[in-house]
Amino acid sequence: MYISNEGLLVILFVGLVAGWLAGKVVRGTGFGIIGDIVVGIAGALVASFLFPKLGIHIGTGLISEIIYSAIGAVILLLVVRLVRGGGRF
């Protein structure tokens, strides 16, 4: 599989925005810019696996990908908080 430079920049941008949004929604769990990108990309993977199984479809395009990734990153941050024992939702 080949990913162009532009495609890689889009993935990193979506991951950054989704991780930042998830850090704002789930307060107190920001991981810095690199950590937010990683959480955003991991959230996108979680969302791309979980949403089709649940029959959820938001749409296509960059905005819907950011929304998918942000929701997946929020789910991921909540799971990390529960596993780490960080407290309340």
C-alpha atoms as a PDB file:
ATOM      1  CA  MET A   1       0.000   0.000   0.000  1.00  0.00           C
ATOM      2  CA  TYR A   2       1.366   3.382  -1.007  1.00  0.00           C
ATOM      3  CA  ILE A   3       0.407   6.583   0.801  1.00  0.00           C
ATOM      4  CA  SER A   4       1.329   9.829  -0.900  1.00  0.00           C
ATOM      5  CA  ASN A   5       2.849  12.728   1.007  1.00  0.00           C
ATOM      6  CA  GLU A   6      -0.429  14.617   0.770  1.00  0.00           C
ATOM      7  CA  GLY A   7      -2.353  11.624   2.096  1.00  0.00           C
ATOM      8  CA  LEU A   8       0.042  11.325   5.012  1.00  0.00           C
ATOM      9  CA  LEU A   9      -0.400  15.024   5.813  1.00  0.00           C
ATOM     10  CA  VAL A  10      -4.186  14.618   5.763  1.00  0.00           C
ATOM     11  CA  ILE A  11      -3.983  11.615   8.118  1.00  0.00           C
ATOM     12  CA  LEU A  12      -1.735  13.550  10.502  1.00  0.00           C
ATOM     13  CA  PHE A  13      -3.997  16.612  10.335  1.00  0.00           C
ATOM     14  CA  VAL A  14      -7.138  14.580  11.024  1.00  0.00           C
ATOM     15  CA  GLY A  15      -5.353  12.782  13.865  1.00  0.00           C
ATOM     16  CA  LEU A  16      -4.171  16.051  15.369  1.00  0.00           C
ATOM     17  CA  VAL A  17      -7.601  17.686  15.237  1.00  0.00           C
ATOM     18  CA  ALA A  18      -9.370  14.567  16.517  1.00  0.00           C
ATOM     19  CA  GLY A  19      -6.878  14.099  19.358  1.00  0.00           C
ATOM     20  CA  TRP A  20      -7.147  17.762  20.321  1.00  0.00           C
ATOM     21  CA  LEU A  21     -10.954  17.602  20.305  1.00  0.00           C
ATOM     22  CA  ALA A  22     -10.909  14.420  22.373  1.00  0.00           C
ATOM     23  CA  GLY A  23      -8.512  16.037  24.860  1.00  0.00           C
ATOM     24  CA  LYS A  24     -10.941  18.954  25.229  1.00  0.00           C
ATOM     25  CA  VAL A  25     -13.962  16.678  25.679  1.00  0.00           C
ATOM     26  CA  VAL A  26     -12.238  14.337  28.142  1.00  0.00           C
ATOM     27  CA  ARG A  27     -10.587  16.910  30.364  1.00  0.00           C
ATOM     28  CA  GLY A  28      -7.262  16.298  32.031  1.00  0.00           C
ATOM     29  CA  THR A  29      -6.022  13.644  29.617  1.00  0.00           C
ATOM     30  CA  GLY A  30      -4.013  15.634  27.077  1.00  0.00           C
ATOM     31  CA  PHE A  31      -0.864  13.844  25.923  1.00  0.00           C
ATOM     32  CA  GLY A  32       0.870  16.706  24.093  1.00  0.00           C
ATOM     33  CA  ILE A  33       0.867  17.249  20.341  1.00  0.00           C
ATOM     34  CA  ILE A  34       2.494  13.925  19.396  1.00  0.00           C
ATOM     35  CA  GLY A  35       0.350  12.008  21.875  1.00  0.00           C
ATOM     36  CA  ASP A  36      -2.772  13.751  20.599  1.00  0.00           C
ATOM     37  CA  ILE A  37      -1.920  12.758  17.019  1.00  0.00           C
ATOM     38  CA  VAL A  38      -1.382   9.146  18.109  1.00  0.00           C
ATOM     39  CA  VAL A  39      -4.642   9.123  20.102  1.00  0.00           C
ATOM     40  CA  GLY A  40      -6.481  10.696  17.151  1.00  0.00           C
ATOM     41  CA  ILE A  41      -5.160   8.114  14.694  1.00  0.00           C
ATOM     42  CA  ALA A  42      -5.891   5.279  17.130  1.00  0.00           C
ATOM     43  CA  GLY A  43      -9.337   6.777  17.646  1.00  0.00           C
ATOM     44  CA  ALA A  44      -9.895   6.733  13.907  1.00  0.00           C
ATOM     45  CA  LEU A  45      -9.020   3.047  13.873  1.00  0.00           C
ATOM     46  CA  VAL A  46     -11.372   2.377  16.791  1.00  0.00           C
ATOM     47  CA  ALA A  47     -14.177   4.310  15.096  1.00  0.00           C
ATOM     48  CA  SER A  48     -13.638   2.644  11.719  1.00  0.00           C
ATOM     49  CA  PHE A  49     -13.951  -0.752  13.403  1.00  0.00           C
ATOM     50  CA  LEU A  50     -16.745   0.040  15.867  1.00  0.00           C
ATOM     51  CA  PHE A  51     -19.145   2.273  13.899  1.00  0.00           C
ATOM     52  CA  PRO A  52     -19.844  -0.110  10.977  1.00  0.00           C
ATOM     53  CA  LYS A  53     -20.523  -2.907  13.481  1.00  0.00           C
ATOM     54  CA  LEU A  54     -23.111  -0.662  15.151  1.00  0.00           C
ATOM     55  CA  GLY A  55     -24.590   0.484  11.829  1.00  0.00           C
ATOM     56  CA  ILE A  56     -23.595   4.139  12.350  1.00  0.00           C
ATOM     57  CA  HIS A  57     -22.813   6.185   9.241  1.00  0.00           C
ATOM     58  CA  ILE A  58     -22.191   9.941   9.428  1.00  0.00           C
ATOM     59  CA  GLY A  59     -21.194  10.633   5.840  1.00  0.00           C
ATOM     60  CA  THR A  60     -18.106  11.168   3.734  1.00  0.00           C
ATOM     61  CA  GLY A  61     -15.484  13.863   3.526  1.00  0.00           C
ATOM     62  CA  LEU A  62     -12.901  15.451   5.754  1.00  0.00           C
ATOM     63  CA  ILE A  63     -15.323  16.810   8.365  1.00  0.00           C
ATOM     64  CA  SER A  64     -16.999  13.434   8.875  1.00  0.00           C
ATOM     65  CA  GLU A  65     -13.576  11.770   9.207  1.00  0.00           C
ATOM     66  CA  ILE A  66     -12.623  14.288  11.896  1.00  0.00           C
ATOM     67  CA  ILE A  67     -15.915  13.606  13.701  1.00  0.00           C
ATOM     68  CA  TYR A  68     -15.423   9.822  13.434  1.00  0.00           C
ATOM     69  CA  SER A  69     -11.851  10.108  14.672  1.00  0.00           C
ATOM     70  CA  ALA A  70     -12.759  12.450  17.520  1.00  0.00           C
ATOM     71  CA  ILE A  71     -15.528  10.148  18.765  1.00  0.00           C
ATOM     72  CA  GLY A  72     -13.190   7.166  18.537  1.00  0.00           C
ATOM     73  CA  ALA A  73     -10.459   9.098  20.368  1.00  0.00           C
ATOM     74  CA  VAL A  74     -12.914  10.071  23.132  1.00  0.00           C
ATOM     75  CA  ILE A  75     -13.877   6.409  23.532  1.00  0.00           C
ATOM     76  CA  LEU A  76     -10.193   5.485  23.608  1.00  0.00           C
ATOM     77  CA  LEU A  77      -9.364   8.157  26.207  1.00  0.00           C
ATOM     78  CA  LEU A  78     -12.243   7.025  28.424  1.00  0.00           C
ATOM     79  CA  VAL A  79     -11.009   3.433  28.248  1.00  0.00           C
ATOM     80  CA  VAL A  80      -7.445   4.561  29.047  1.00  0.00           C
ATOM     81  CA  ARG A  81      -8.746   6.584  31.987  1.00  0.00           C
ATOM     82  CA  LEU A  82     -10.685   3.573  33.299  1.00  0.00           C
ATOM     83  CA  VAL A  83      -7.728   1.205  32.922  1.00  0.00           C
ATOM     84  CA  ARG A  84      -5.267   3.643  34.443  1.00  0.00           C
ATOM     85  CA  GLY A  85      -7.641   4.278  37.336  1.00  0.00           C
ATOM     86  CA  GLY A  86      -7.761   7.994  36.665  1.00  0.00           C
ATOM     87  CA  GLY A  87     -11.142   8.515  38.240  1.00  0.00           C
ATOM     88  CA  ARG A  88     -14.474   9.716  36.984  1.00  0.00           C
ATOM     89  CA  PHE A  89     -15.862  10.240  33.518  1.00  0.00           C
END
